[in-house]
Protein backbone atom coordinates (compact mmCIF):
# COMPACT_ATOMS: atom_id res chain seq x y z
CA MET A 1 98.21 106.79 96.82
CA SER A 2 101.45 105.82 98.45
CA GLU A 3 104.46 103.91 97.17
CA VAL A 4 104.55 100.16 97.90
CA VAL A 5 107.59 98.85 99.77
CA ILE A 6 108.74 95.40 100.80
CA VAL A 7 110.07 94.89 104.30
CA TYR A 8 112.16 91.74 104.64
CA ALA A 9 113.01 90.18 107.99
CA LEU A 10 114.53 86.91 109.17
CA PHE A 11 113.35 84.99 112.24
CA GLY A 12 114.87 82.16 114.23
CA SER A 13 111.67 80.10 114.45
CA ARG A 14 108.43 79.52 112.62
CA GLU A 15 106.51 80.69 115.69
CA ALA A 16 108.37 84.02 115.82
CA ALA A 17 107.82 84.57 112.09
CA GLU A 18 104.10 83.79 112.36
CA ARG A 19 103.72 86.05 115.39
CA ALA A 20 105.35 88.98 113.57
CA ALA A 21 103.33 88.37 110.39
CA ARG A 22 100.01 88.21 112.26
CA ASP A 23 100.85 91.29 114.32
CA ALA A 24 101.82 93.32 111.25
CA VAL A 25 98.63 92.46 109.36
CA ASP A 26 96.31 92.72 112.39
CA SER A 27 97.69 96.16 113.27
CA ARG A 28 97.47 97.26 109.61
CA LEU A 29 101.20 97.92 109.44
CA ALA A 30 101.35 95.52 106.48
CA ALA A 31 98.72 94.62 103.92
CA CYS A 32 100.20 91.15 103.56
CA ALA A 33 103.02 89.05 104.95
CA ASN A 34 104.51 86.06 103.15
CA MET A 35 106.39 83.58 105.29
CA LEU A 36 108.88 81.85 103.01
CA ALA A 37 110.51 78.44 103.24
CA LEU A 38 113.26 77.72 105.72
CA CYS A 39 116.65 79.02 104.58
CA ARG A 40 120.20 78.48 105.76
CA SER A 41 122.02 81.69 106.72
CA PHE A 42 125.80 82.05 106.93
CA TYR A 43 127.25 85.08 108.72
CA ILE A 44 129.94 86.32 111.09
CA TRP A 45 128.68 86.84 114.64
CA GLU A 46 131.00 87.96 117.42
CA GLY A 47 134.03 86.96 115.34
CA THR A 48 132.82 83.46 114.46
CA ARG A 49 131.33 82.16 111.24
CA THR A 50 127.86 80.99 112.11
CA GLU A 51 125.29 78.88 110.27
CA GLU A 52 121.63 78.90 111.28
CA ASP A 53 118.27 77.94 109.85
CA GLU A 54 116.00 80.97 109.60
CA ILE A 55 112.53 81.85 108.35
CA PRO A 56 112.33 84.84 105.98
CA VAL A 57 109.16 86.95 105.85
CA LEU A 58 108.22 89.50 103.20
CA PHE A 59 105.87 92.22 104.43
CA LYS A 60 104.07 94.40 101.86
CA THR A 61 103.26 97.89 103.08
CA ASN A 62 103.20 101.49 101.94
CA VAL A 63 106.08 103.87 102.41
CA ASP A 64 104.18 105.82 105.08
CA ARG A 65 103.92 102.74 107.31
CA ARG A 66 107.41 101.31 106.65
CA ASP A 67 109.32 102.90 109.53
CA THR A 68 106.62 102.01 112.07
CA LEU A 69 106.51 98.44 110.76
CA MET A 70 110.29 98.07 110.93
CA ALA A 71 110.35 99.42 114.49
CA ARG A 72 107.52 97.06 115.51
CA ILE A 73 109.33 94.04 114.08
CA ALA A 74 112.55 95.06 115.86
CA GLU A 75 110.91 95.63 119.26
CA GLY A 76 109.32 92.18 119.27
CA HIS A 77 112.31 90.37 117.79
CA ASP A 78 114.42 87.92 119.80
CA TYR A 79 117.66 88.68 117.93
CA ALA A 80 120.05 91.28 119.37
CA ILE A 81 120.48 92.78 115.88
CA PRO A 82 117.69 91.53 113.61
CA ALA A 83 118.03 91.71 109.83
CA ILE A 84 115.20 94.04 108.82
CA LEU A 85 115.53 95.56 105.36
CA SER A 86 113.24 97.42 102.98
CA TRP A 87 113.12 98.50 99.39
CA PRO A 88 110.58 100.15 97.07
CA VAL A 89 108.88 98.05 94.42
CA ASP A 90 106.95 98.68 91.24
CA ALA A 91 103.40 97.45 91.80
CA ALA A 92 100.42 97.10 89.52
CA PRO A 93 98.07 100.05 90.17
CA ASP A 94 95.25 97.91 91.57
CA TYR A 95 97.62 96.09 93.91
CA ALA A 96 99.21 99.35 95.07
CA ARG A 97 95.74 100.73 95.82
CA TRP A 98 94.87 97.59 97.81
CA VAL A 99 98.11 97.84 99.84
CA PHE A 100 97.37 101.47 100.58
CA GLU A 101 93.78 100.76 101.64
CA ALA A 102 94.73 97.69 103.71
CA THR A 103 97.26 99.67 105.73
CA GLN A 104 94.97 102.55 106.65
CA VAL A 105 93.84 102.84 110.25
CA PHE A 106 90.23 103.91 110.69
């Protein structure tokens, strides 16, 4: 069984977040995607402090699918440099097994 990882990405609209979440689950790149509540992001872009509302999404996948998932999110993203991050997590054995099974392509 493979290690569970979280992939975190921010989107500029609810529609973009939903599209990415559905695509990731439908293509079995993620076992699950959780679209979180609207957040306010503060960052420097092209030399200017910027404030924007964004939608964060947490994608649960296995380490073997992570790079493909991150590339898929990036290719369909409307940001020039999207925030797409990942980290390993400790998962209950039954949940880890489900993530692994849900991300297998038959």
